Amino acid sequence: MHNKLNLIFVHGSGQSQLSYNFLQIFLPEHNSLCLEYSTAEDPDDVLKRFKFLADQEFNGEPVSIIAHSYGCLLSTLFSYEYKNVDNFVALSSPWGGSRSAKWLAYVFRQSKLFKNTTPGSSLIKAISQIKLEFPITNIISTGTSSDDEIGMGAPNDGLLTVETQKAVPTGFSDCESIELSVSHNELLFSMDVMEIIKDKIFNGTATNS
């Protein structure tokens, strides 16, 4: 049995576990597992691997999850399957899908990422029907002064609209949304995000345990 808190990190599309380096350095001491994937993989295959690796590492013990962007969608499916999740912090999640992906899917027909993040996709629909009762913190990146509305026609963080990040599934019964004025990827290097994670997952712990 682990004495420290068990934390799982799931990166966004086109990224890796390196995305977790900043948070890992500044968060209180914990057991960490970074689950990686390729956007070319089928979500069902990713989910099976996530479940296997988490079971191997934590043997069914309670875990908390931090996920970014597309990783939030995969983490929602994983959370439902793992069954023993204490907290979930979602960073810049495309809950309602991406309007940009809808058009890009027509051009890049082989892209599973664009197919899966198109509004109304089978993945988005499946996630919208999942019921999760543990605490979820939905952090919304509203963008910086340089993130204008050109090309999206709506407030955005440089990649996703604020609207889709606010479209939290109705099955999330204990969810709090928090808006921060940062871009989509700056969220991973934000001291504000780190303090929120400490408060929600580590219960405000500021020093290593």
N, C-alpha and C. Protein backbone atom coordinates (compact mmCIF):
# COMPACT_ATOMS: atom_id res chain seq x y z
N MET A 1 0.85 -1.21 0.00
CA MET A 1 0.00 0.00 0.00
C MET A 1 0.88 1.25 0.00
N HIS A 2 0.58 2.21 -0.91
CA HIS A 2 1.34 3.45 -0.98
C HIS A 2 0.92 4.38 0.16
N ASN A 3 1.88 5.10 0.74
CA ASN A 3 1.59 6.06 1.79
C ASN A 3 1.27 7.44 1.22
N LYS A 4 1.84 7.75 0.07
CA LYS A 4 1.62 9.05 -0.55
C LYS A 4 0.42 9.00 -1.50
N LEU A 5 -0.09 10.17 -1.82
CA LEU A 5 -1.22 10.27 -2.72
C LEU A 5 -0.83 9.75 -4.12
N ASN A 6 -1.73 9.02 -4.75
CA ASN A 6 -1.50 8.49 -6.09
C ASN A 6 -2.09 9.43 -7.13
N LEU A 7 -1.26 9.92 -8.01
CA LEU A 7 -1.72 10.89 -9.01
C LEU A 7 -1.42 10.40 -10.42
N ILE A 8 -2.43 10.47 -11.27
CA ILE A 8 -2.29 10.09 -12.67
C ILE A 8 -2.39 11.34 -13.54
N PHE A 9 -1.45 11.48 -14.47
CA PHE A 9 -1.47 12.62 -15.41
C PHE A 9 -1.67 12.09 -16.83
N VAL A 10 -2.56 12.74 -17.56
CA VAL A 10 -2.82 12.38 -18.96
C VAL A 10 -2.66 13.64 -19.81
N HIS A 11 -1.69 13.63 -20.71
CA HIS A 11 -1.36 14.83 -21.51
C HIS A 11 -2.39 15.09 -22.62
N GLY A 12 -2.22 16.24 -23.27
CA GLY A 12 -3.09 16.60 -24.39
C GLY A 12 -2.57 16.04 -25.70
N SER A 13 -3.30 16.27 -26.78
CA SER A 13 -2.91 15.73 -28.09
C SER A 13 -1.58 16.31 -28.55
N GLY A 14 -0.76 15.47 -29.13
CA GLY A 14 0.53 15.90 -29.66
C GLY A 14 1.56 16.21 -28.60
N GLN A 15 1.28 15.85 -27.35
CA GLN A 15 2.21 16.11 -26.26
C GLN A 15 2.69 14.80 -25.64
N SER A 16 3.33 14.89 -24.50
CA SER A 16 3.85 13.70 -23.84
C SER A 16 3.89 13.95 -22.33
N GLN A 17 4.48 13.02 -21.60
CA GLN A 17 4.57 13.19 -20.15
C GLN A 17 5.44 14.38 -19.77
N LEU A 18 6.20 14.93 -20.70
CA LEU A 18 6.99 16.13 -20.41
C LEU A 18 6.09 17.30 -20.03
N SER A 19 4.83 17.24 -20.47
CA SER A 19 3.87 18.29 -20.14
C SER A 19 3.64 18.38 -18.64
N TYR A 20 3.98 17.33 -17.93
CA TYR A 20 3.72 17.26 -16.49
C TYR A 20 4.90 17.73 -15.65
N ASN A 21 6.03 17.99 -16.29
CA ASN A 21 7.26 18.30 -15.54
C ASN A 21 7.11 19.46 -14.58
N PHE A 22 6.51 20.55 -15.02
CA PHE A 22 6.38 21.74 -14.17
C PHE A 22 5.56 21.44 -12.93
N LEU A 23 4.39 20.85 -13.14
CA LEU A 23 3.52 20.54 -12.01
C LEU A 23 4.17 19.53 -11.07
N GLN A 24 4.82 18.53 -11.65
CA GLN A 24 5.43 17.49 -10.83
C GLN A 24 6.50 18.05 -9.89
N ILE A 25 7.23 19.04 -10.36
CA ILE A 25 8.29 19.65 -9.56
C ILE A 25 7.72 20.43 -8.38
N PHE A 26 6.65 21.16 -8.61
CA PHE A 26 6.15 22.09 -7.59
C PHE A 26 5.02 21.55 -6.72
N LEU A 27 4.41 20.44 -7.10
CA LEU A 27 3.37 19.87 -6.27
C LEU A 27 3.98 19.12 -5.09
N PRO A 28 3.22 18.94 -4.00
CA PRO A 28 3.72 18.14 -2.87
C PRO A 28 4.11 16.75 -3.34
N GLU A 29 4.93 16.08 -2.57
CA GLU A 29 5.41 14.74 -2.94
C GLU A 29 4.23 13.79 -3.15
N HIS A 30 4.33 12.96 -4.18
CA HIS A 30 3.25 12.04 -4.51
C HIS A 30 3.76 10.92 -5.39
N ASN A 31 2.97 9.87 -5.52
CA ASN A 31 3.26 8.81 -6.47
C ASN A 31 2.62 9.21 -7.79
N SER A 32 3.38 9.21 -8.87
CA SER A 32 2.83 9.66 -10.15
C SER A 32 2.92 8.59 -11.22
N LEU A 33 1.91 8.58 -12.08
CA LEU A 33 1.88 7.72 -13.25
C LEU A 33 1.41 8.57 -14.41
N CYS A 34 2.25 8.72 -15.43
CA CYS A 34 1.89 9.49 -16.62
C CYS A 34 1.45 8.50 -17.70
N LEU A 35 0.21 8.61 -18.11
CA LEU A 35 -0.34 7.71 -19.12
C LEU A 35 -0.25 8.39 -20.48
N GLU A 36 0.47 7.77 -21.39
CA GLU A 36 0.69 8.36 -22.72
C GLU A 36 -0.11 7.63 -23.79
N TYR A 37 -0.34 8.30 -24.89
CA TYR A 37 -1.12 7.74 -25.98
C TYR A 37 -0.79 8.48 -27.27
N SER A 38 -1.22 7.92 -28.37
CA SER A 38 -1.13 8.59 -29.66
C SER A 38 -2.54 8.89 -30.13
N THR A 39 -2.76 10.05 -30.74
CA THR A 39 -4.09 10.39 -31.22
C THR A 39 -4.51 9.50 -32.38
N ALA A 40 -3.56 8.74 -32.95
CA ALA A 40 -3.89 7.81 -34.03
C ALA A 40 -4.53 6.53 -33.51
N GLU A 41 -4.45 6.32 -32.18
CA GLU A 41 -5.01 5.12 -31.57
C GLU A 41 -6.52 5.23 -31.39
N ASP A 42 -7.17 4.08 -31.39
CA ASP A 42 -8.59 4.03 -31.09
C ASP A 42 -8.76 4.24 -29.58
N PRO A 43 -9.70 5.09 -29.15
CA PRO A 43 -9.90 5.34 -27.72
C PRO A 43 -10.10 4.07 -26.89
N ASP A 44 -10.75 3.06 -27.46
CA ASP A 44 -10.97 1.82 -26.72
C ASP A 44 -9.65 1.12 -26.41
N ASP A 45 -8.72 1.17 -27.35
CA ASP A 45 -7.40 0.57 -27.13
C ASP A 45 -6.62 1.35 -26.08
N VAL A 46 -6.72 2.68 -26.14
CA VAL A 46 -6.06 3.53 -25.16
C VAL A 46 -6.60 3.24 -23.77
N LEU A 47 -7.91 3.13 -23.67
CA LEU A 47 -8.56 2.90 -22.39
C LEU A 47 -8.12 1.57 -21.76
N LYS A 48 -8.04 0.53 -22.56
CA LYS A 48 -7.61 -0.77 -22.05
C LYS A 48 -6.19 -0.69 -21.50
N ARG A 49 -5.31 0.02 -22.21
CA ARG A 49 -3.92 0.15 -21.76
C ARG A 49 -3.85 0.99 -20.48
N PHE A 50 -4.59 2.08 -20.43
CA PHE A 50 -4.63 2.93 -19.24
C PHE A 50 -5.06 2.12 -18.03
N LYS A 51 -6.11 1.35 -18.18
CA LYS A 51 -6.64 0.55 -17.07
C LYS A 51 -5.61 -0.49 -16.62
N PHE A 52 -4.95 -1.13 -17.56
CA PHE A 52 -3.95 -2.14 -17.23
C PHE A 52 -2.78 -1.52 -16.47
N LEU A 53 -2.27 -0.40 -16.97
CA LEU A 53 -1.12 0.25 -16.35
C LEU A 53 -1.46 0.78 -14.96
N ALA A 54 -2.65 1.36 -14.82
CA ALA A 54 -3.05 1.88 -13.51
C ALA A 54 -3.24 0.75 -12.50
N ASP A 55 -3.81 -0.36 -12.95
CA ASP A 55 -3.98 -1.51 -12.06
C ASP A 55 -2.63 -2.08 -11.64
N GLN A 56 -1.69 -2.11 -12.58
CA GLN A 56 -0.35 -2.61 -12.28
C GLN A 56 0.36 -1.72 -11.27
N GLU A 57 0.20 -0.41 -11.44
CA GLU A 57 0.91 0.56 -10.59
C GLU A 57 0.26 0.73 -9.22
N PHE A 58 -1.07 0.80 -9.20
CA PHE A 58 -1.76 1.17 -7.96
C PHE A 58 -2.67 0.07 -7.39
N ASN A 59 -2.83 -1.00 -8.12
CA ASN A 59 -3.57 -2.17 -7.63
C ASN A 59 -4.94 -1.81 -7.05
N GLY A 60 -5.65 -0.94 -7.75
CA GLY A 60 -7.00 -0.58 -7.32
C GLY A 60 -7.08 0.46 -6.23
N GLU A 61 -5.93 0.96 -5.75
CA GLU A 61 -5.93 2.01 -4.73
C GLU A 61 -6.57 3.29 -5.28
N PRO A 62 -7.01 4.18 -4.40
CA PRO A 62 -7.58 5.45 -4.86
C PRO A 62 -6.54 6.27 -5.65
N VAL A 63 -7.00 6.96 -6.69
CA VAL A 63 -6.13 7.83 -7.48
C VAL A 63 -6.82 9.17 -7.69
N SER A 64 -6.02 10.19 -7.95
CA SER A 64 -6.52 11.48 -8.40
C SER A 64 -5.96 11.70 -9.80
N ILE A 65 -6.69 12.41 -10.62
CA ILE A 65 -6.32 12.57 -12.03
C ILE A 65 -6.18 14.04 -12.40
N ILE A 66 -5.11 14.34 -13.13
CA ILE A 66 -4.95 15.65 -13.78
C ILE A 66 -4.83 15.38 -15.26
N ALA A 67 -5.66 16.01 -16.06
CA ALA A 67 -5.61 15.77 -17.50
C ALA A 67 -5.71 17.09 -18.25
N HIS A 68 -5.18 17.10 -19.46
CA HIS A 68 -5.16 18.31 -20.27
C HIS A 68 -5.79 18.06 -21.64
N SER A 69 -6.68 18.96 -22.04
CA SER A 69 -7.24 18.97 -23.39
C SER A 69 -7.88 17.63 -23.77
N TYR A 70 -7.45 17.03 -24.88
CA TYR A 70 -8.01 15.75 -25.34
C TYR A 70 -7.84 14.67 -24.27
N GLY A 71 -6.80 14.80 -23.46
CA GLY A 71 -6.57 13.84 -22.39
C GLY A 71 -7.70 13.83 -21.37
N CYS A 72 -8.45 14.93 -21.26
CA CYS A 72 -9.59 14.98 -20.34
C CYS A 72 -10.70 14.05 -20.80
N LEU A 73 -10.89 13.96 -22.11
CA LEU A 73 -11.92 13.08 -22.65
C LEU A 73 -11.56 11.63 -22.37
N LEU A 74 -10.30 11.28 -22.64
CA LEU A 74 -9.85 9.92 -22.38
C LEU A 74 -9.90 9.60 -20.89
N SER A 75 -9.56 10.59 -20.07
CA SER A 75 -9.56 10.39 -18.61
C SER A 75 -10.95 10.19 -18.05
N THR A 76 -11.94 10.80 -18.70
CA THR A 76 -13.32 10.59 -18.27
C THR A 76 -13.73 9.13 -18.45
N LEU A 77 -13.38 8.57 -19.60
CA LEU A 77 -13.66 7.15 -19.85
C LEU A 77 -12.90 6.28 -18.87
N PHE A 78 -11.63 6.63 -18.63
CA PHE A 78 -10.81 5.86 -17.70
C PHE A 78 -11.38 5.93 -16.29
N SER A 79 -11.80 7.11 -15.85
CA SER A 79 -12.36 7.29 -14.51
C SER A 79 -13.56 6.39 -14.28
N TYR A 80 -14.38 6.28 -15.29
CA TYR A 80 -15.58 5.45 -15.19
C TYR A 80 -15.22 3.98 -15.05
N GLU A 81 -14.15 3.56 -15.72
CA GLU A 81 -13.73 2.17 -15.69
C GLU A 81 -12.93 1.83 -14.43
N TYR A 82 -12.11 2.75 -13.96
CA TYR A 82 -11.22 2.45 -12.83
C TYR A 82 -11.99 2.33 -11.51
N LYS A 83 -13.04 3.11 -11.37
CA LYS A 83 -13.98 3.01 -10.23
C LYS A 83 -13.49 3.59 -8.92
N ASN A 84 -12.19 3.87 -8.75
CA ASN A 84 -11.69 4.34 -7.45
C ASN A 84 -10.92 5.65 -7.63
N VAL A 85 -11.64 6.69 -8.04
CA VAL A 85 -11.05 8.01 -8.28
C VAL A 85 -11.52 8.98 -7.20
N ASP A 86 -10.58 9.67 -6.58
CA ASP A 86 -10.91 10.64 -5.52
C ASP A 86 -11.22 12.02 -6.08
N ASN A 87 -10.40 12.47 -7.03
CA ASN A 87 -10.54 13.81 -7.60
C ASN A 87 -10.10 13.80 -9.05
N PHE A 88 -10.64 14.73 -9.83
CA PHE A 88 -10.28 14.86 -11.24
C PHE A 88 -10.17 16.35 -11.55
N VAL A 89 -8.99 16.80 -11.96
CA VAL A 89 -8.80 18.19 -12.39
C VAL A 89 -8.64 18.18 -13.90
N ALA A 90 -9.58 18.79 -14.59
CA ALA A 90 -9.58 18.84 -16.06
C ALA A 90 -9.11 20.21 -16.53
N LEU A 91 -8.08 20.22 -17.35
CA LEU A 91 -7.49 21.47 -17.86
C LEU A 91 -7.85 21.67 -19.33
N SER A 92 -8.58 22.71 -19.65
CA SER A 92 -8.91 23.07 -21.04
C SER A 92 -9.49 21.90 -21.82
N SER A 93 -10.60 21.38 -21.35
CA SER A 93 -11.19 20.21 -22.00
C SER A 93 -12.23 20.58 -23.07
N PRO A 94 -12.18 19.93 -24.23
CA PRO A 94 -13.17 20.17 -25.28
C PRO A 94 -14.43 19.33 -25.06
N TRP A 95 -15.13 19.57 -23.95
CA TRP A 95 -16.29 18.74 -23.60
C TRP A 95 -17.32 18.68 -24.70
N GLY A 96 -17.54 19.80 -25.37
CA GLY A 96 -18.56 19.83 -26.42
C GLY A 96 -17.99 19.58 -27.81
N GLY A 97 -16.71 19.19 -27.88
CA GLY A 97 -16.08 19.00 -29.17
C GLY A 97 -15.47 20.29 -29.69
N SER A 98 -14.84 20.20 -30.83
CA SER A 98 -14.17 21.36 -31.43
C SER A 98 -14.76 21.67 -32.79
N ARG A 99 -15.21 22.91 -32.97
CA ARG A 99 -15.75 23.31 -34.27
C ARG A 99 -14.68 23.27 -35.36
N SER A 100 -13.45 23.58 -34.96
CA SER A 100 -12.35 23.52 -35.92
C SER A 100 -12.14 22.08 -36.40
N ALA A 101 -12.26 21.14 -35.47
CA ALA A 101 -12.08 19.72 -35.81
C ALA A 101 -13.12 19.27 -36.82
N LYS A 102 -14.32 19.82 -36.73
CA LYS A 102 -15.39 19.43 -37.65
C LYS A 102 -14.98 19.68 -39.09
N TRP A 103 -14.36 20.85 -39.34
CA TRP A 103 -13.95 21.17 -40.71
C TRP A 103 -12.65 20.47 -41.09
N LEU A 104 -11.73 20.37 -40.12
CA LEU A 104 -10.47 19.68 -40.40
C LEU A 104 -10.69 18.21 -40.70
N ALA A 105 -11.74 17.63 -40.13
CA ALA A 105 -12.04 16.21 -40.37
C ALA A 105 -12.39 15.96 -41.83
N TYR A 106 -12.92 16.97 -42.50
CA TYR A 106 -13.23 16.82 -43.92
C TYR A 106 -11.97 16.79 -44.77
N VAL A 107 -10.96 17.54 -44.30
CA VAL A 107 -9.70 17.61 -45.04
C VAL A 107 -8.79 16.43 -44.70
N PHE A 108 -8.65 16.17 -43.42
CA PHE A 108 -7.79 15.08 -42.95
C PHE A 108 -8.68 13.91 -42.52
N ARG A 109 -9.17 13.18 -43.50
CA ARG A 109 -10.17 12.14 -43.25
C ARG A 109 -9.62 10.96 -42.45
N GLN A 110 -8.29 10.80 -42.43
CA GLN A 110 -7.72 9.68 -41.69
C GLN A 110 -7.44 10.02 -40.22
N SER A 111 -7.64 11.28 -39.86
CA SER A 111 -7.31 11.72 -38.50
C SER A 111 -8.36 11.27 -37.49
N LYS A 112 -7.97 10.40 -36.57
CA LYS A 112 -8.88 9.97 -35.50
C LYS A 112 -9.12 11.10 -34.51
N LEU A 113 -8.12 11.97 -34.32
CA LEU A 113 -8.27 13.09 -33.39
C LEU A 113 -9.41 14.00 -33.83
N PHE A 114 -9.38 14.44 -35.08
CA PHE A 114 -10.42 15.34 -35.57
C PHE A 114 -11.78 14.65 -35.60
N LYS A 115 -11.78 13.38 -35.96
CA LYS A 115 -13.04 12.62 -35.97
C LYS A 115 -13.63 12.52 -34.57
N ASN A 116 -12.78 12.23 -33.60
CA ASN A 116 -13.27 12.04 -32.23
C ASN A 116 -13.67 13.33 -31.52
N THR A 117 -13.08 14.46 -31.94
CA THR A 117 -13.38 15.72 -31.27
C THR A 117 -14.39 16.58 -32.03
N THR A 118 -14.92 16.05 -33.12
CA THR A 118 -15.99 16.75 -33.82
C THR A 118 -17.25 16.76 -32.96
N PRO A 119 -17.93 17.90 -32.81
CA PRO A 119 -19.15 17.93 -32.00
C PRO A 119 -20.13 16.84 -32.46
N GLY A 120 -20.65 16.09 -31.49
CA GLY A 120 -21.60 15.04 -31.83
C GLY A 120 -20.97 13.71 -32.21
N SER A 121 -19.62 13.61 -32.12
CA SER A 121 -18.95 12.35 -32.46
C SER A 121 -19.36 11.27 -31.46
N SER A 122 -19.09 10.03 -31.80
CA SER A 122 -19.45 8.93 -30.90
C SER A 122 -18.72 9.06 -29.57
N LEU A 123 -17.48 9.55 -29.60
CA LEU A 123 -16.72 9.73 -28.36
C LEU A 123 -17.35 10.81 -27.49
N ILE A 124 -17.67 11.95 -28.08
CA ILE A 124 -18.29 13.05 -27.35
C ILE A 124 -19.64 12.61 -26.78
N LYS A 125 -20.41 11.87 -27.55
CA LYS A 125 -21.71 11.39 -27.08
C LYS A 125 -21.56 10.42 -25.91
N ALA A 126 -20.58 9.51 -26.01
CA ALA A 126 -20.36 8.54 -24.94
C ALA A 126 -20.00 9.24 -23.64
N ILE A 127 -19.14 10.25 -23.74
CA ILE A 127 -18.71 10.99 -22.55
C ILE A 127 -19.87 11.79 -21.95
N SER A 128 -20.73 12.31 -22.80
CA SER A 128 -21.87 13.10 -22.32
C SER A 128 -22.86 12.27 -21.51
N GLN A 129 -22.79 10.96 -21.65
CA GLN A 129 -23.73 10.08 -20.95
C GLN A 129 -23.14 9.43 -19.69
N ILE A 130 -21.86 9.70 -19.44
CA ILE A 130 -21.20 9.10 -18.27
C ILE A 130 -21.58 9.86 -16.99
N LYS A 131 -21.80 9.10 -15.93
CA LYS A 131 -22.12 9.71 -14.63
C LYS A 131 -20.93 9.52 -13.69
N LEU A 132 -20.40 10.62 -13.17
CA LEU A 132 -19.29 10.59 -12.22
C LEU A 132 -19.69 11.39 -10.99
N GLU A 133 -19.51 10.80 -9.81
CA GLU A 133 -19.99 11.44 -8.58
C GLU A 133 -18.88 12.01 -7.70
N PHE A 134 -17.61 11.76 -8.04
CA PHE A 134 -16.52 12.32 -7.24
C PHE A 134 -16.25 13.77 -7.65
N PRO A 135 -15.53 14.54 -6.84
CA PRO A 135 -15.27 15.96 -7.16
C PRO A 135 -14.46 16.14 -8.44
N ILE A 136 -14.96 17.01 -9.29
CA ILE A 136 -14.28 17.35 -10.55
C ILE A 136 -14.10 18.86 -10.60
N THR A 137 -12.87 19.28 -10.90
CA THR A 137 -12.58 20.70 -11.07
C THR A 137 -12.29 20.95 -12.53
N ASN A 138 -13.13 21.74 -13.17
CA ASN A 138 -13.02 22.03 -14.60
C ASN A 138 -12.38 23.40 -14.78
N ILE A 139 -11.10 23.42 -15.12
CA ILE A 139 -10.39 24.70 -15.28
C ILE A 139 -10.48 25.13 -16.74
N ILE A 140 -11.03 26.31 -16.94
CA ILE A 140 -11.27 26.85 -18.27
C ILE A 140 -10.23 27.92 -18.60
N SER A 141 -9.51 27.74 -19.70
CA SER A 141 -8.55 28.76 -20.14
C SER A 141 -9.27 29.69 -21.10
N THR A 142 -9.40 30.96 -20.69
CA THR A 142 -10.17 31.92 -21.49
C THR A 142 -9.30 32.68 -22.49
N GLY A 143 -7.99 32.41 -22.47
CA GLY A 143 -7.10 33.07 -23.42
C GLY A 143 -6.45 34.31 -22.85
N THR A 144 -5.48 34.84 -23.58
CA THR A 144 -4.79 36.06 -23.20
C THR A 144 -5.18 37.17 -24.15
N SER A 145 -4.61 38.35 -23.95
CA SER A 145 -4.97 39.49 -24.81
C SER A 145 -4.59 39.26 -26.26
N SER A 146 -3.67 38.31 -26.50
CA SER A 146 -3.24 38.04 -27.89
C SER A 146 -4.09 36.98 -28.56
N ASP A 147 -4.97 36.32 -27.79
CA ASP A 147 -5.86 35.30 -28.36
C ASP A 147 -7.15 35.96 -28.82
N ASP A 148 -7.16 36.46 -30.08
CA ASP A 148 -8.36 37.13 -30.57
C ASP A 148 -9.35 36.11 -31.12
N GLU A 149 -10.45 36.61 -31.64
CA GLU A 149 -11.52 35.74 -32.08
C GLU A 149 -11.44 35.41 -33.57
N ILE A 150 -10.40 35.87 -34.26
CA ILE A 150 -10.29 35.62 -35.69
C ILE A 150 -10.21 34.12 -35.96
N GLY A 151 -11.03 33.65 -36.86
CA GLY A 151 -11.00 32.25 -37.25
C GLY A 151 -11.94 31.38 -36.46
N MET A 152 -12.30 31.77 -35.24
CA MET A 152 -13.21 30.97 -34.43
C MET A 152 -14.56 31.65 -34.23
N GLY A 153 -14.55 32.97 -34.29
CA GLY A 153 -15.80 33.69 -34.14
C GLY A 153 -16.39 33.64 -32.75
N ALA A 154 -15.55 33.28 -31.78
CA ALA A 154 -16.01 33.19 -30.40
C ALA A 154 -14.81 33.29 -29.47
N PRO A 155 -15.01 33.70 -28.22
CA PRO A 155 -13.90 33.76 -27.27
C PRO A 155 -13.22 32.39 -27.18
N ASN A 156 -11.89 32.42 -27.16
CA ASN A 156 -11.14 31.16 -27.17
C ASN A 156 -9.79 31.33 -26.49
N ASP A 157 -9.11 30.19 -26.28
CA ASP A 157 -7.80 30.21 -25.63
C ASP A 157 -6.66 30.04 -26.62
N GLY A 158 -6.96 30.26 -27.89
CA GLY A 158 -5.96 30.08 -28.95
C GLY A 158 -6.11 28.75 -29.65
N LEU A 159 -6.89 27.83 -29.06
CA LEU A 159 -7.12 26.53 -29.68
C LEU A 159 -8.56 26.07 -29.52
N LEU A 160 -9.10 26.22 -28.31
CA LEU A 160 -10.48 25.81 -28.03
C LEU A 160 -11.33 27.01 -27.63
N THR A 161 -12.61 26.95 -27.96
CA THR A 161 -13.51 28.01 -27.52
C THR A 161 -13.80 27.86 -26.03
N VAL A 162 -14.11 28.97 -25.40
CA VAL A 162 -14.50 28.94 -23.99
C VAL A 162 -15.82 28.15 -23.86
N GLU A 163 -16.66 28.27 -24.87
CA GLU A 163 -17.96 27.59 -24.84
C GLU A 163 -17.83 26.08 -24.69
N THR A 164 -16.94 25.46 -25.47
CA THR A 164 -16.82 24.00 -25.39
C THR A 164 -16.21 23.57 -24.05
N GLN A 165 -15.35 24.40 -23.48
CA GLN A 165 -14.77 24.07 -22.18
C GLN A 165 -15.79 24.17 -21.06
N LYS A 166 -16.83 24.97 -21.28
CA LYS A 166 -17.88 25.12 -20.28
C LYS A 166 -18.96 24.05 -20.40
N ALA A 167 -18.96 23.32 -21.52
CA ALA A 167 -20.02 22.33 -21.80
C ALA A 167 -19.79 21.02 -21.05
N VAL A 168 -19.70 21.13 -19.72
CA VAL A 168 -19.43 19.96 -18.87
C VAL A 168 -20.59 18.96 -18.96
N PRO A 169 -20.30 17.67 -19.07
CA PRO A 169 -21.36 16.66 -19.11
C PRO A 169 -22.29 16.78 -17.90
N THR A 170 -23.57 16.61 -18.13
CA THR A 170 -24.55 16.75 -17.05
C THR A 170 -24.41 15.65 -16.00
N GLY A 171 -23.72 14.56 -16.35
CA GLY A 171 -23.52 13.45 -15.42
C GLY A 171 -22.45 13.71 -14.38
N PHE A 172 -21.75 14.85 -14.48
CA PHE A 172 -20.75 15.22 -13.48
C PHE A 172 -21.49 15.91 -12.34
N SER A 173 -21.84 15.16 -11.30
CA SER A 173 -22.73 15.68 -10.27
C SER A 173 -22.05 16.62 -9.28
N ASP A 174 -20.71 16.56 -9.19
CA ASP A 174 -19.97 17.39 -8.23
C ASP A 174 -18.85 18.10 -8.98
N CYS A 175 -19.22 19.09 -9.77
CA CYS A 175 -18.23 19.75 -10.64
C CYS A 175 -18.21 21.26 -10.40
N GLU A 176 -17.00 21.79 -10.27
CA GLU A 176 -16.80 23.23 -10.13
C GLU A 176 -15.95 23.72 -11.29
N SER A 177 -16.41 24.77 -11.98
CA SER A 177 -15.64 25.34 -13.09
C SER A 177 -14.95 26.62 -12.63
N ILE A 178 -13.68 26.77 -13.02
CA ILE A 178 -12.88 27.94 -12.66
C ILE A 178 -12.25 28.50 -13.92
N GLU A 179 -12.40 29.78 -14.18
CA GLU A 179 -11.84 30.42 -15.37
C GLU A 179 -10.52 31.11 -15.05
N LEU A 180 -9.54 30.91 -15.94
CA LEU A 180 -8.25 31.58 -15.80
C LEU A 180 -7.87 32.23 -17.13
N SER A 181 -7.29 33.43 -17.06
CA SER A 181 -6.91 34.17 -18.27
C SER A 181 -5.53 33.74 -18.77
N VAL A 182 -5.46 32.52 -19.28
CA VAL A 182 -4.22 31.98 -19.84
C VAL A 182 -4.56 31.27 -21.14
N SER A 183 -3.55 31.01 -21.96
CA SER A 183 -3.77 30.30 -23.22
C SER A 183 -3.86 28.80 -22.96
N HIS A 184 -4.18 28.07 -24.01
CA HIS A 184 -4.42 26.63 -23.90
C HIS A 184 -3.26 25.87 -23.28
N ASN A 185 -2.04 26.16 -23.71
CA ASN A 185 -0.89 25.43 -23.19
C ASN A 185 -0.22 26.11 -22.00
N GLU A 186 -0.43 27.42 -21.84
CA GLU A 186 0.12 28.11 -20.66
C GLU A 186 -0.48 27.57 -19.37
N LEU A 187 -1.65 26.99 -19.47
CA LEU A 187 -2.32 26.43 -18.30
C LEU A 187 -1.42 25.44 -17.57
N LEU A 188 -0.57 24.73 -18.32
CA LEU A 188 0.31 23.71 -17.75
C LEU A 188 1.47 24.32 -16.97
N PHE A 189 1.68 25.63 -17.12
CA PHE A 189 2.80 26.30 -16.44
C PHE A 189 2.30 27.41 -15.52
N SER A 190 1.06 27.31 -15.14
CA SER A 190 0.44 28.36 -14.33
C SER A 190 0.53 28.04 -12.84
N MET A 191 1.05 29.00 -12.07
CA MET A 191 1.10 28.84 -10.62
C MET A 191 -0.32 28.82 -10.04
N ASP A 192 -1.25 29.52 -10.68
CA ASP A 192 -2.64 29.50 -10.23
C ASP A 192 -3.21 28.09 -10.34
N VAL A 193 -2.90 27.41 -11.44
CA VAL A 193 -3.38 26.03 -11.62
C VAL A 193 -2.79 25.13 -10.54
N MET A 194 -1.50 25.33 -10.27
CA MET A 194 -0.85 24.51 -9.26
C MET A 194 -1.50 24.70 -7.89
N GLU A 195 -1.84 25.92 -7.55
CA GLU A 195 -2.47 26.19 -6.26
C GLU A 195 -3.86 25.57 -6.20
N ILE A 196 -4.57 25.58 -7.32
CA ILE A 196 -5.90 24.96 -7.37
C ILE A 196 -5.77 23.45 -7.16
N ILE A 197 -4.78 22.85 -7.80
CA ILE A 197 -4.55 21.41 -7.66
C ILE A 197 -4.20 21.07 -6.21
N LYS A 198 -3.34 21.88 -5.60
CA LYS A 198 -2.99 21.66 -4.19
C LYS A 198 -4.24 21.70 -3.32
N ASP A 199 -5.10 22.67 -3.59
CA ASP A 199 -6.30 22.85 -2.79
C ASP A 199 -7.28 21.70 -2.99
N LYS A 200 -7.51 21.31 -4.23
CA LYS A 200 -8.53 20.31 -4.53
C LYS A 200 -8.06 18.87 -4.30
N ILE A 201 -6.81 18.58 -4.65
CA ILE A 201 -6.31 17.20 -4.56
C ILE A 201 -5.50 16.96 -3.28
N PHE A 202 -4.63 17.92 -2.95
CA PHE A 202 -3.75 17.76 -1.78
C PHE A 202 -4.32 18.44 -0.54
N ASN A 203 -5.55 18.94 -0.65
CA ASN A 203 -6.21 19.62 0.47
C ASN A 203 -5.39 20.77 1.04
N GLY A 204 -4.81 21.53 0.12
CA GLY A 204 -4.09 22.73 0.52
C GLY A 204 -2.68 22.49 1.00
N THR A 205 -2.19 21.25 0.93
CA THR A 205 -0.83 20.94 1.39
C THR A 205 0.18 21.76 0.59
N ALA A 206 1.05 22.45 1.28
CA ALA A 206 2.02 23.31 0.60
C ALA A 206 3.43 22.76 0.66
N THR A 207 3.66 21.78 1.54
CA THR A 207 5.00 21.22 1.67
C THR A 207 5.00 19.75 1.37
N ASN A 208 6.15 19.21 1.06
CA ASN A 208 6.26 17.79 0.77
C ASN A 208 5.95 16.96 2.01
N SER A 209 5.27 15.84 1.78
CA SER A 209 4.93 14.96 2.89
C SER A 209 5.92 13.83 3.00
